[in-house]
N, C-alpha and C. Protein backbone atom coordinates (compact mmCIF):
# COMPACT_ATOMS: atom_id res chain seq x y z
N MET A 1 -6.94 -3.22 4.04
CA MET A 1 -6.03 -2.67 3.09
C MET A 1 -4.92 -1.92 3.80
N SER A 2 -5.27 -1.08 4.76
CA SER A 2 -4.25 -0.28 5.44
C SER A 2 -3.25 -1.15 6.19
N GLU A 3 -3.69 -2.26 6.69
CA GLU A 3 -2.78 -3.17 7.40
C GLU A 3 -1.76 -3.77 6.43
N ALA A 4 -2.20 -4.11 5.24
CA ALA A 4 -1.29 -4.65 4.22
C ALA A 4 -0.26 -3.59 3.81
N ILE A 5 -0.70 -2.34 3.68
CA ILE A 5 0.21 -1.25 3.33
C ILE A 5 1.22 -1.04 4.45
N ASP A 6 0.78 -1.16 5.70
CA ASP A 6 1.72 -1.06 6.83
C ASP A 6 2.80 -2.13 6.75
N ILE A 7 2.41 -3.33 6.39
CA ILE A 7 3.37 -4.43 6.27
C ILE A 7 4.37 -4.14 5.16
N LEU A 8 3.89 -3.64 4.04
CA LEU A 8 4.80 -3.28 2.94
C LEU A 8 5.76 -2.17 3.37
N ALA A 9 5.25 -1.18 4.09
CA ALA A 9 6.11 -0.08 4.57
C ALA A 9 7.19 -0.61 5.52
N GLU A 10 6.84 -1.55 6.34
CA GLU A 10 7.81 -2.17 7.24
C GLU A 10 8.88 -2.92 6.43
N MET A 11 8.47 -3.58 5.38
CA MET A 11 9.43 -4.29 4.52
C MET A 11 10.40 -3.29 3.87
N VAL A 12 9.90 -2.13 3.49
CA VAL A 12 10.76 -1.09 2.92
C VAL A 12 11.78 -0.64 3.96
N SER A 13 11.33 -0.41 5.19
CA SER A 13 12.23 0.07 6.24
C SER A 13 13.32 -0.94 6.57
N HIS A 14 13.08 -2.22 6.30
CA HIS A 14 14.07 -3.26 6.56
C HIS A 14 14.87 -3.62 5.30
N GLY A 15 14.64 -2.88 4.22
CA GLY A 15 15.39 -3.11 3.00
C GLY A 15 14.97 -4.33 2.21
N LYS A 16 13.81 -4.85 2.48
CA LYS A 16 13.34 -6.05 1.79
C LYS A 16 12.47 -5.73 0.57
N LEU A 17 12.13 -4.44 0.42
CA LEU A 17 11.31 -3.99 -0.70
C LEU A 17 11.86 -2.65 -1.15
N ASP A 18 11.94 -2.45 -2.44
CA ASP A 18 12.49 -1.23 -3.00
C ASP A 18 11.61 -0.03 -2.65
N SER A 19 12.21 1.01 -2.10
CA SER A 19 11.44 2.17 -1.67
C SER A 19 10.84 2.95 -2.84
N ASP A 20 11.52 3.00 -3.96
CA ASP A 20 10.98 3.70 -5.13
C ASP A 20 9.73 3.02 -5.67
N ILE A 21 9.77 1.71 -5.69
CA ILE A 21 8.60 0.96 -6.16
C ILE A 21 7.44 1.14 -5.19
N PHE A 22 7.73 1.11 -3.90
CA PHE A 22 6.69 1.31 -2.89
C PHE A 22 6.07 2.71 -3.03
N THR A 23 6.91 3.72 -3.21
CA THR A 23 6.42 5.09 -3.38
C THR A 23 5.52 5.20 -4.60
N LEU A 24 5.92 4.60 -5.69
CA LEU A 24 5.09 4.60 -6.90
C LEU A 24 3.76 3.89 -6.63
N PHE A 25 3.82 2.78 -5.95
CA PHE A 25 2.64 1.99 -5.59
C PHE A 25 1.65 2.84 -4.79
N ILE A 26 2.18 3.67 -3.90
CA ILE A 26 1.33 4.52 -3.07
C ILE A 26 0.85 5.75 -3.84
N LYS A 27 1.78 6.46 -4.48
CA LYS A 27 1.42 7.70 -5.18
C LYS A 27 0.40 7.47 -6.29
N GLU A 28 0.57 6.41 -7.04
CA GLU A 28 -0.32 6.12 -8.15
C GLU A 28 -1.55 5.32 -7.73
N ARG A 29 -1.62 5.02 -6.45
CA ARG A 29 -2.76 4.27 -5.86
C ARG A 29 -3.00 2.94 -6.58
N ILE A 30 -1.91 2.29 -6.90
CA ILE A 30 -1.97 0.99 -7.57
C ILE A 30 -2.64 -0.04 -6.67
N TYR A 31 -2.45 0.11 -5.38
CA TYR A 31 -3.07 -0.82 -4.43
C TYR A 31 -4.59 -0.82 -4.59
N LEU A 32 -5.18 0.31 -4.98
CA LEU A 32 -6.63 0.37 -5.16
C LEU A 32 -7.09 -0.44 -6.36
N ASP A 33 -6.29 -0.48 -7.40
CA ASP A 33 -6.62 -1.32 -8.56
C ASP A 33 -6.74 -2.78 -8.12
N TYR A 34 -5.75 -3.22 -7.36
CA TYR A 34 -5.76 -4.59 -6.85
C TYR A 34 -6.96 -4.81 -5.93
N ALA A 35 -7.14 -3.88 -5.00
CA ALA A 35 -8.21 -4.02 -4.02
C ALA A 35 -9.58 -4.11 -4.69
N ASN A 36 -9.82 -3.23 -5.64
CA ASN A 36 -11.12 -3.23 -6.31
C ASN A 36 -11.36 -4.48 -7.14
N LYS A 37 -10.29 -5.09 -7.59
CA LYS A 37 -10.42 -6.30 -8.41
C LYS A 37 -10.57 -7.57 -7.57
N TYR A 38 -9.83 -7.64 -6.44
CA TYR A 38 -9.73 -8.91 -5.72
C TYR A 38 -10.31 -8.92 -4.31
N LEU A 39 -10.62 -7.78 -3.74
CA LEU A 39 -11.09 -7.77 -2.35
C LEU A 39 -12.57 -7.44 -2.27
N ASP A 40 -13.19 -7.88 -1.19
CA ASP A 40 -14.56 -7.50 -0.90
C ASP A 40 -14.55 -6.05 -0.43
N PRO A 41 -15.59 -5.31 -0.72
CA PRO A 41 -15.62 -3.89 -0.35
C PRO A 41 -15.35 -3.63 1.14
N TYR A 42 -15.80 -4.51 2.02
CA TYR A 42 -15.58 -4.29 3.45
C TYR A 42 -14.10 -4.39 3.84
N GLN A 43 -13.27 -4.98 2.97
CA GLN A 43 -11.85 -5.10 3.25
C GLN A 43 -11.06 -3.85 2.83
N ILE A 44 -11.69 -2.97 2.11
CA ILE A 44 -11.00 -1.79 1.58
C ILE A 44 -11.29 -0.61 2.50
N ASP A 45 -10.29 -0.26 3.32
CA ASP A 45 -10.43 0.88 4.20
C ASP A 45 -9.57 2.04 3.69
N ILE A 46 -9.64 3.15 4.38
CA ILE A 46 -8.91 4.35 3.97
C ILE A 46 -7.44 4.19 4.34
N VAL A 47 -6.57 4.50 3.39
CA VAL A 47 -5.12 4.46 3.61
C VAL A 47 -4.64 5.89 3.70
N ASP A 48 -3.94 6.21 4.79
CA ASP A 48 -3.37 7.55 5.00
C ASP A 48 -2.10 7.66 4.16
N LEU A 49 -2.25 8.16 2.94
CA LEU A 49 -1.14 8.21 2.00
C LEU A 49 0.01 9.09 2.49
N GLU A 50 -0.30 10.17 3.15
CA GLU A 50 0.74 11.10 3.63
C GLU A 50 1.68 10.40 4.62
N ARG A 51 1.20 9.43 5.28
CA ARG A 51 2.02 8.68 6.25
C ARG A 51 3.20 7.97 5.57
N TYR A 52 3.02 7.63 4.32
CA TYR A 52 4.03 6.84 3.61
C TYR A 52 4.85 7.64 2.62
N LEU A 53 4.51 8.88 2.39
CA LEU A 53 5.22 9.69 1.40
C LEU A 53 6.14 10.71 2.05
């Protein structure tokens, strides 16, 4: 999970993804909704939210 978030953050830094949407995605922990629905538990690691906010 954290690796995917890193990729999204990189996309934001290159202007390929809207930073406001990314911030909302992180602050509201929307990524966890997706992860819990579609990923195996071993794929869900801790995401350092402060790193992205």
